[in-house]
Amino acid sequence: MEGEGSLLSVADLELWRGQRCLFTELTFGLAPGQVAVVTGANGAGKTSLLRVLAGLSVARAGDVRWRDQPVNKLIPPQRAEVLYLGHLDGLKRELTVVENLNLFRRLWGIVEPVETVLEPLGLDGLAGRAVRTLSAGQRRRAALARLGLSQADLWILDEPFTNLDEEGRALVEGWLRRHLRAGRLAVVATHHQLRLGGAGQLRVEL
């Protein structure tokens, strides 16, 4: 349900794929420090929902608002408050790991050097390698390194633990805990049980 003090509010959302209704009347709200965990079978509409929440797609009906503004009409400073990481890596394959991360760093206006997130992810020895030469697990770590740099208030993450080993998963969960303790929010589609300590979790079952 949508609660008072929600920064992200979803009201009566209805989403279709072709001629099939994925879900209808979906309503919930997220306040600072809360995470919505989106679960459901393959094809249930998890990725479609996350893209609507990020303002990248439009639902058949309903309303999604970030800080009381329609999410698909946010102006650039407001859009910078929302980070969407899809299940694809979203990296330029011909660029190196460092070049990719520096691209995002400049776009986001972040002062912190990218090297601070490479070592925890085990990427310091791969910084100069082109993304196309990396394994699936290494590419996923490089993509998730953006979380360590991001200062966005809302993280929208689609299956962030895919191709990660236990060490990588623990690191990402640690970043999520830190993000939520700072009074920020997250929406995470995952098949994994999140280990986030006392963080307020809202389950969205599709």
C-alpha atoms as a PDB file:
ATOM      1  CA  MET A   1       0.000   0.000   0.000  1.00  0.00           C
ATOM      2  CA  GLU A   2       0.983   3.609  -0.523  1.00  0.00           C
ATOM      3  CA  GLY A   3       2.021   5.184   2.761  1.00  0.00           C
ATOM      4  CA  GLU A   4       2.520   8.685   4.104  1.00  0.00           C
ATOM      5  CA  GLY A   5       5.967  10.106   3.526  1.00  0.00           C
ATOM      6  CA  SER A   6       6.507   8.078   0.346  1.00  0.00           C
ATOM      7  CA  LEU A   7       9.081   9.478  -2.056  1.00  0.00           C
ATOM      8  CA  LEU A   8       8.246   6.872  -4.688  1.00  0.00           C
ATOM      9  CA  SER A   9       4.513   6.279  -5.111  1.00  0.00           C
ATOM     10  CA  VAL A  10       2.836   3.778  -7.415  1.00  0.00           C
ATOM     11  CA  ALA A  11      -0.944   3.969  -7.803  1.00  0.00           C
ATOM     12  CA  ASP A  12      -3.276   1.581  -9.663  1.00  0.00           C
ATOM     13  CA  LEU A  13      -0.606   0.559 -12.169  1.00  0.00           C
ATOM     14  CA  GLU A  14      -1.727  -1.622 -15.074  1.00  0.00           C
ATOM     15  CA  LEU A  15       0.771  -3.101 -17.512  1.00  0.00           C
ATOM     16  CA  TRP A  16       0.257  -5.157 -20.646  1.00  0.00           C
ATOM     17  CA  ARG A  17       2.570  -7.088 -22.945  1.00  0.00           C
ATOM     18  CA  GLY A  18       0.885  -7.327 -26.314  1.00  0.00           C
ATOM     19  CA  GLN A  19      -2.570  -8.755 -25.693  1.00  0.00           C
ATOM     20  CA  ARG A  20      -1.723 -10.111 -22.224  1.00  0.00           C
ATOM     21  CA  CYS A  21      -2.261  -8.176 -19.004  1.00  0.00           C
ATOM     22  CA  LEU A  22       0.796  -8.618 -16.774  1.00  0.00           C
ATOM     23  CA  PHE A  23      -0.761  -7.040 -13.699  1.00  0.00           C
ATOM     24  CA  THR A  24      -3.356  -4.491 -12.699  1.00  0.00           C
ATOM     25  CA  GLU A  25      -4.163  -2.195  -9.747  1.00  0.00           C
ATOM     26  CA  LEU A  26      -0.596  -2.393  -8.406  1.00  0.00           C
ATOM     27  CA  THR A  27      -0.210   0.167  -5.624  1.00  0.00           C
ATOM     28  CA  PHE A  28       2.635   0.742  -3.171  1.00  0.00           C
ATOM     29  CA  GLY A  29       4.842   3.489  -1.776  1.00  0.00           C
ATOM     30  CA  LEU A  30       8.432   3.693  -0.570  1.00  0.00           C
ATOM     31  CA  ALA A  31       9.653   6.009   2.168  1.00  0.00           C
ATOM     32  CA  PRO A  32      13.307   6.849   2.963  1.00  0.00           C
ATOM     33  CA  GLY A  33      15.293   3.799   4.040  1.00  0.00           C
ATOM     34  CA  GLN A  34      12.918   1.286   2.435  1.00  0.00           C
ATOM     35  CA  VAL A  35      13.455  -1.268  -0.326  1.00  0.00           C
ATOM     36  CA  ALA A  36      10.808  -2.926  -2.492  1.00  0.00           C
ATOM     37  CA  VAL A  37      11.738  -6.495  -3.413  1.00  0.00           C
ATOM     38  CA  VAL A  38      10.019  -7.480  -6.674  1.00  0.00           C
ATOM     39  CA  THR A  39       9.503 -11.220  -7.164  1.00  0.00           C
ATOM     40  CA  GLY A  40       7.619 -13.417  -9.584  1.00  0.00           C
ATOM     41  CA  ALA A  41       8.005 -16.088 -12.227  1.00  0.00           C
ATOM     42  CA  ASN A  42       9.874 -15.444 -15.469  1.00  0.00           C
ATOM     43  CA  GLY A  43       7.603 -13.437 -17.747  1.00  0.00           C
ATOM     44  CA  ALA A  44       5.551 -12.027 -14.878  1.00  0.00           C
ATOM     45  CA  GLY A  45       6.579  -8.473 -15.747  1.00  0.00           C
ATOM     46  CA  LYS A  46       9.402  -7.688 -13.305  1.00  0.00           C
ATOM     47  CA  THR A  47      11.657  -6.002 -15.869  1.00  0.00           C
ATOM     48  CA  SER A  48       8.688  -4.230 -17.447  1.00  0.00           C
ATOM     49  CA  LEU A  49       7.671  -2.864 -14.047  1.00  0.00           C
ATOM     50  CA  LEU A  50      11.174  -1.613 -13.275  1.00  0.00           C
ATOM     51  CA  ARG A  51      11.385   0.183 -16.618  1.00  0.00           C
ATOM     52  CA  VAL A  52       8.078   1.932 -15.871  1.00  0.00           C
ATOM     53  CA  LEU A  53       9.331   2.925 -12.400  1.00  0.00           C
ATOM     54  CA  ALA A  54      12.459   4.370 -14.007  1.00  0.00           C
ATOM     55  CA  GLY A  55      10.420   6.373 -16.501  1.00  0.00           C
ATOM     56  CA  LEU A  56      11.737   4.379 -19.487  1.00  0.00           C
ATOM     57  CA  SER A  57       8.352   2.856 -20.395  1.00  0.00           C
ATOM     58  CA  VAL A  58       4.738   3.899 -19.936  1.00  0.00           C
ATOM     59  CA  ALA A  59       2.052   1.740 -18.328  1.00  0.00           C
ATOM     60  CA  ARG A  60      -1.433   1.210 -19.785  1.00  0.00           C
ATOM     61  CA  ALA A  61      -2.953   2.866 -16.718  1.00  0.00           C
ATOM     62  CA  GLY A  62      -1.959   4.157 -13.316  1.00  0.00           C
ATOM     63  CA  ASP A  63       0.523   6.651 -11.940  1.00  0.00           C
ATOM     64  CA  VAL A  64       4.182   6.543 -10.858  1.00  0.00           C
ATOM     65  CA  ARG A  65       5.586   9.568  -9.046  1.00  0.00           C
ATOM     66  CA  TRP A  66       9.006  10.456  -7.677  1.00  0.00           C
ATOM     67  CA  ARG A  67       8.863  13.255  -5.097  1.00  0.00           C
ATOM     68  CA  ASP A  68       5.288  13.890  -6.257  1.00  0.00           C
ATOM     69  CA  GLN A  69       6.342  14.397  -9.896  1.00  0.00           C
ATOM     70  CA  PRO A  70       5.384  12.016 -12.755  1.00  0.00           C
ATOM     71  CA  VAL A  71       8.470   9.856 -13.210  1.00  0.00           C
ATOM     72  CA  ASN A  72       8.357  10.016 -17.014  1.00  0.00           C
ATOM     73  CA  LYS A  73       8.348  13.840 -16.935  1.00  0.00           C
ATOM     74  CA  LEU A  74      11.272  14.468 -14.580  1.00  0.00           C
ATOM     75  CA  ILE A  75      13.637  17.270 -15.540  1.00  0.00           C
ATOM     76  CA  PRO A  76      17.378  16.390 -15.721  1.00  0.00           C
ATOM     77  CA  PRO A  77      18.277  17.342 -12.102  1.00  0.00           C
ATOM     78  CA  GLN A  78      15.399  15.181 -10.829  1.00  0.00           C
ATOM     79  CA  ARG A  79      16.262  12.314 -13.200  1.00  0.00           C
ATOM     80  CA  ALA A  80      19.791  12.309 -11.777  1.00  0.00           C
ATOM     81  CA  GLU A  81      18.242  11.219  -8.465  1.00  0.00           C
ATOM     82  CA  VAL A  82      17.167   7.897 -10.045  1.00  0.00           C
ATOM     83  CA  LEU A  83      19.640   5.166 -11.065  1.00  0.00           C
ATOM     84  CA  TYR A  84      18.414   2.255 -13.185  1.00  0.00           C
ATOM     85  CA  LEU A  85      20.635  -0.788 -13.740  1.00  0.00           C
ATOM     86  CA  GLY A  86      19.023  -3.388 -15.990  1.00  0.00           C
ATOM     87  CA  HIS A  87      19.818  -7.061 -16.283  1.00  0.00           C
ATOM     88  CA  LEU A  88      22.095  -6.223 -19.241  1.00  0.00           C
ATOM     89  CA  ASP A  89      25.491  -4.767 -18.371  1.00  0.00           C
ATOM     90  CA  GLY A  90      25.034  -1.457 -20.185  1.00  0.00           C
ATOM     91  CA  LEU A  91      28.771  -1.106 -20.854  1.00  0.00           C
ATOM     92  CA  LYS A  92      30.569  -0.115 -24.051  1.00  0.00           C
ATOM     93  CA  ARG A  93      32.389  -3.289 -25.038  1.00  0.00           C
ATOM     94  CA  GLU A  94      35.309  -1.602 -26.852  1.00  0.00           C
ATOM     95  CA  LEU A  95      36.143   0.646 -23.897  1.00  0.00           C
ATOM     96  CA  THR A  96      38.152  -0.510 -20.901  1.00  0.00           C
ATOM     97  CA  VAL A  97      36.645  -0.961 -17.447  1.00  0.00           C
ATOM     98  CA  VAL A  98      38.117   2.350 -16.264  1.00  0.00           C
ATOM     99  CA  GLU A  99      37.002   4.197 -19.388  1.00  0.00           C
ATOM    100  CA  ASN A 100      33.441   2.961 -18.925  1.00  0.00           C
ATOM    101  CA  LEU A 101      33.326   3.962 -15.274  1.00  0.00           C
ATOM    102  CA  ASN A 102      34.919   7.344 -15.937  1.00  0.00           C
ATOM    103  CA  LEU A 103      32.215   7.984 -18.543  1.00  0.00           C
ATOM    104  CA  PHE A 104      29.505   7.500 -15.919  1.00  0.00           C
ATOM    105  CA  ARG A 105      31.528   9.410 -13.349  1.00  0.00           C
ATOM    106  CA  ARG A 106      31.700  12.479 -15.617  1.00  0.00           C
ATOM    107  CA  LEU A 107      28.008  12.203 -16.554  1.00  0.00           C
ATOM    108  CA  TRP A 108      27.052  12.104 -12.888  1.00  0.00           C
ATOM    109  CA  GLY A 109      29.484  14.856 -11.821  1.00  0.00           C
ATOM    110  CA  ILE A 110      31.199  12.618  -9.270  1.00  0.00           C
ATOM    111  CA  VAL A 111      34.563  13.705  -7.859  1.00  0.00           C
ATOM    112  CA  GLU A 112      35.547  10.380  -6.287  1.00  0.00           C
ATOM    113  CA  PRO A 113      37.991   8.423  -8.507  1.00  0.00           C
ATOM    114  CA  VAL A 114      36.772   5.127  -9.942  1.00  0.00           C
ATOM    115  CA  GLU A 115      39.731   3.274  -8.459  1.00  0.00           C
ATOM    116  CA  THR A 116      38.008   3.344  -5.057  1.00  0.00           C
ATOM    117  CA  VAL A 117      35.404   0.809  -6.269  1.00  0.00           C
ATOM    118  CA  LEU A 118      37.665  -1.404  -8.381  1.00  0.00           C
ATOM    119  CA  GLU A 119      39.619  -3.137  -5.624  1.00  0.00           C
ATOM    120  CA  PRO A 120      36.594  -4.213  -3.515  1.00  0.00           C
ATOM    121  CA  LEU A 121      35.130  -5.824  -6.642  1.00  0.00           C
ATOM    122  CA  GLY A 122      38.366  -7.548  -7.587  1.00  0.00           C
ATOM    123  CA  LEU A 123      38.637  -5.439 -10.737  1.00  0.00           C
ATOM    124  CA  ASP A 124      41.844  -3.547  -9.985  1.00  0.00           C
ATOM    125  CA  GLY A 125      43.865  -5.972 -12.115  1.00  0.00           C
ATOM    126  CA  LEU A 126      41.372  -5.665 -14.978  1.00  0.00           C
ATOM    127  CA  ALA A 127      41.037  -1.875 -15.068  1.00  0.00           C
ATOM    128  CA  GLY A 128      42.794  -1.523 -18.408  1.00  0.00           C
ATOM    129  CA  ARG A 129      41.084  -4.465 -20.098  1.00  0.00           C
ATOM    130  CA  ALA A 130      38.439  -3.922 -22.774  1.00  0.00           C
ATOM    131  CA  VAL A 131      35.009  -5.021 -21.550  1.00  0.00           C
ATOM    132  CA  ARG A 132      34.632  -7.400 -24.522  1.00  0.00           C
ATOM    133  CA  THR A 133      37.535  -9.503 -23.162  1.00  0.00           C
ATOM    134  CA  LEU A 134      35.964 -10.037 -19.722  1.00  0.00           C
ATOM    135  CA  SER A 135      34.030 -13.055 -18.488  1.00  0.00           C
ATOM    136  CA  ALA A 136      30.311 -12.739 -17.726  1.00  0.00           C
ATOM    137  CA  GLY A 137      31.027 -12.470 -14.001  1.00  0.00           C
ATOM    138  CA  GLN A 138      33.702  -9.818 -14.513  1.00  0.00           C
ATOM    139  CA  ARG A 139      31.403  -7.780 -16.760  1.00  0.00           C
ATOM    140  CA  ARG A 140      28.670  -7.950 -14.141  1.00  0.00           C
ATOM    141  CA  ARG A 141      31.071  -6.688 -11.474  1.00  0.00           C
ATOM    142  CA  ALA A 142      32.147  -3.849 -13.757  1.00  0.00           C
ATOM    143  CA  ALA A 143      28.507  -2.899 -14.346  1.00  0.00           C
ATOM    144  CA  LEU A 144      27.695  -2.988 -10.626  1.00  0.00           C
ATOM    145  CA  ALA A 145      30.729  -0.827  -9.834  1.00  0.00           C
ATOM    146  CA  ARG A 146      28.452   2.062 -10.786  1.00  0.00           C
ATOM    147  CA  LEU A 147      26.564   1.463  -7.540  1.00  0.00           C
ATOM    148  CA  GLY A 148      29.731   2.179  -5.586  1.00  0.00           C
ATOM    149  CA  LEU A 149      30.042   5.527  -7.369  1.00  0.00           C
ATOM    150  CA  SER A 150      26.369   6.492  -7.507  1.00  0.00           C
ATOM    151  CA  GLN A 151      24.950   9.274  -5.369  1.00  0.00           C
ATOM    152  CA  ALA A 152      21.383   8.751  -6.651  1.00  0.00           C
ATOM    153  CA  ASP A 153      18.617   8.625  -4.049  1.00  0.00           C
ATOM    154  CA  LEU A 154      16.627   5.843  -5.743  1.00  0.00           C
ATOM    155  CA  TRP A 155      18.262   2.664  -7.056  1.00  0.00           C
ATOM    156  CA  ILE A 156      16.223   0.486  -9.425  1.00  0.00           C
ATOM    157  CA  LEU A 157      18.056  -2.817  -9.903  1.00  0.00           C
ATOM    158  CA  ASP A 158      17.083  -5.712 -12.163  1.00  0.00           C
ATOM    159  CA  GLU A 159      18.587  -9.035 -10.997  1.00  0.00           C
ATOM    160  CA  PRO A 160      21.802  -7.448  -9.681  1.00  0.00           C
ATOM    161  CA  PHE A 161      23.237 -10.752  -8.423  1.00  0.00           C
ATOM    162  CA  THR A 162      23.265 -12.555 -11.780  1.00  0.00           C
ATOM    163  CA  ASN A 163      26.734 -14.037 -12.531  1.00  0.00           C
ATOM    164  CA  LEU A 164      28.072 -12.918  -9.145  1.00  0.00           C
ATOM    165  CA  ASP A 165      29.836 -15.242  -6.726  1.00  0.00           C
ATOM    166  CA  GLU A 166      29.118 -15.150  -2.988  1.00  0.00           C
ATOM    167  CA  GLU A 167      31.804 -12.532  -2.346  1.00  0.00           C
ATOM    168  CA  GLY A 168      30.421 -10.232  -5.030  1.00  0.00           C
ATOM    169  CA  ARG A 169      26.878 -10.667  -3.783  1.00  0.00           C
ATOM    170  CA  ALA A 170      27.913  -9.815  -0.212  1.00  0.00           C
ATOM    171  CA  LEU A 171      29.609  -6.630  -1.421  1.00  0.00           C
ATOM    172  CA  VAL A 172      26.545  -5.461  -3.360  1.00  0.00           C
ATOM    173  CA  GLU A 173      24.301  -6.214  -0.377  1.00  0.00           C
ATOM    174  CA  GLY A 174      26.672  -4.144   1.750  1.00  0.00           C
ATOM    175  CA  TRP A 175      26.324  -1.231  -0.644  1.00  0.00           C
ATOM    176  CA  LEU A 176      22.542  -1.625  -0.488  1.00  0.00           C
ATOM    177  CA  ARG A 177      22.580  -1.578   3.323  1.00  0.00           C
ATOM    178  CA  ARG A 178      24.706   1.581   3.302  1.00  0.00           C
ATOM    179  CA  HIS A 179      22.417   3.182   0.727  1.00  0.00           C
ATOM    180  CA  LEU A 180      19.302   2.477   2.810  1.00  0.00           C
ATOM    181  CA  ARG A 181      20.899   3.545   6.105  1.00  0.00           C
ATOM    182  CA  ALA A 182      21.563   6.917   4.462  1.00  0.00           C
ATOM    183  CA  GLY A 183      17.793   7.349   4.065  1.00  0.00           C
ATOM    184  CA  ARG A 184      17.730   6.460   0.386  1.00  0.00           C
ATOM    185  CA  LEU A 185      15.449   3.975  -1.410  1.00  0.00           C
ATOM    186  CA  ALA A 186      15.732   0.958  -3.678  1.00  0.00           C
ATOM    187  CA  VAL A 187      13.602  -1.305  -5.853  1.00  0.00           C
ATOM    188  CA  VAL A 188      15.236  -4.682  -6.520  1.00  0.00           C
ATOM    189  CA  ALA A 189      13.949  -7.483  -8.746  1.00  0.00           C
ATOM    190  CA  THR A 190      15.662 -10.662  -7.625  1.00  0.00           C
ATOM    191  CA  HIS A 191      15.221 -14.389  -7.074  1.00  0.00           C
ATOM    192  CA  HIS A 192      17.591 -14.180  -4.082  1.00  0.00           C
ATOM    193  CA  GLN A 193      16.725 -13.585  -0.458  1.00  0.00           C
ATOM    194  CA  LEU A 194      18.182 -10.177   0.390  1.00  0.00           C
ATOM    195  CA  ARG A 195      20.339  -9.952   3.508  1.00  0.00           C
ATOM    196  CA  LEU A 196      19.833  -6.343   4.521  1.00  0.00           C
ATOM    197  CA  GLY A 197      19.696  -6.501   8.293  1.00  0.00           C
ATOM    198  CA  GLY A 198      16.986  -4.308   9.759  1.00  0.00           C
ATOM    199  CA  ALA A 199      16.180  -2.431   6.541  1.00  0.00           C
ATOM    200  CA  GLY A 200      12.468  -2.012   5.873  1.00  0.00           C
ATOM    201  CA  GLN A 201      11.519  -4.402   3.079  1.00  0.00           C
ATOM    202  CA  LEU A 202       8.308  -4.312   1.071  1.00  0.00           C
ATOM    203  CA  ARG A 203       7.534  -7.403  -1.002  1.00  0.00           C
ATOM    204  CA  VAL A 204       5.947  -6.860  -4.427  1.00  0.00           C
ATOM    205  CA  GLU A 205       4.776 -10.193  -5.817  1.00  0.00           C
ATOM    206  CA  LEU A 206       3.829 -10.272  -9.500  1.00  0.00           C
END
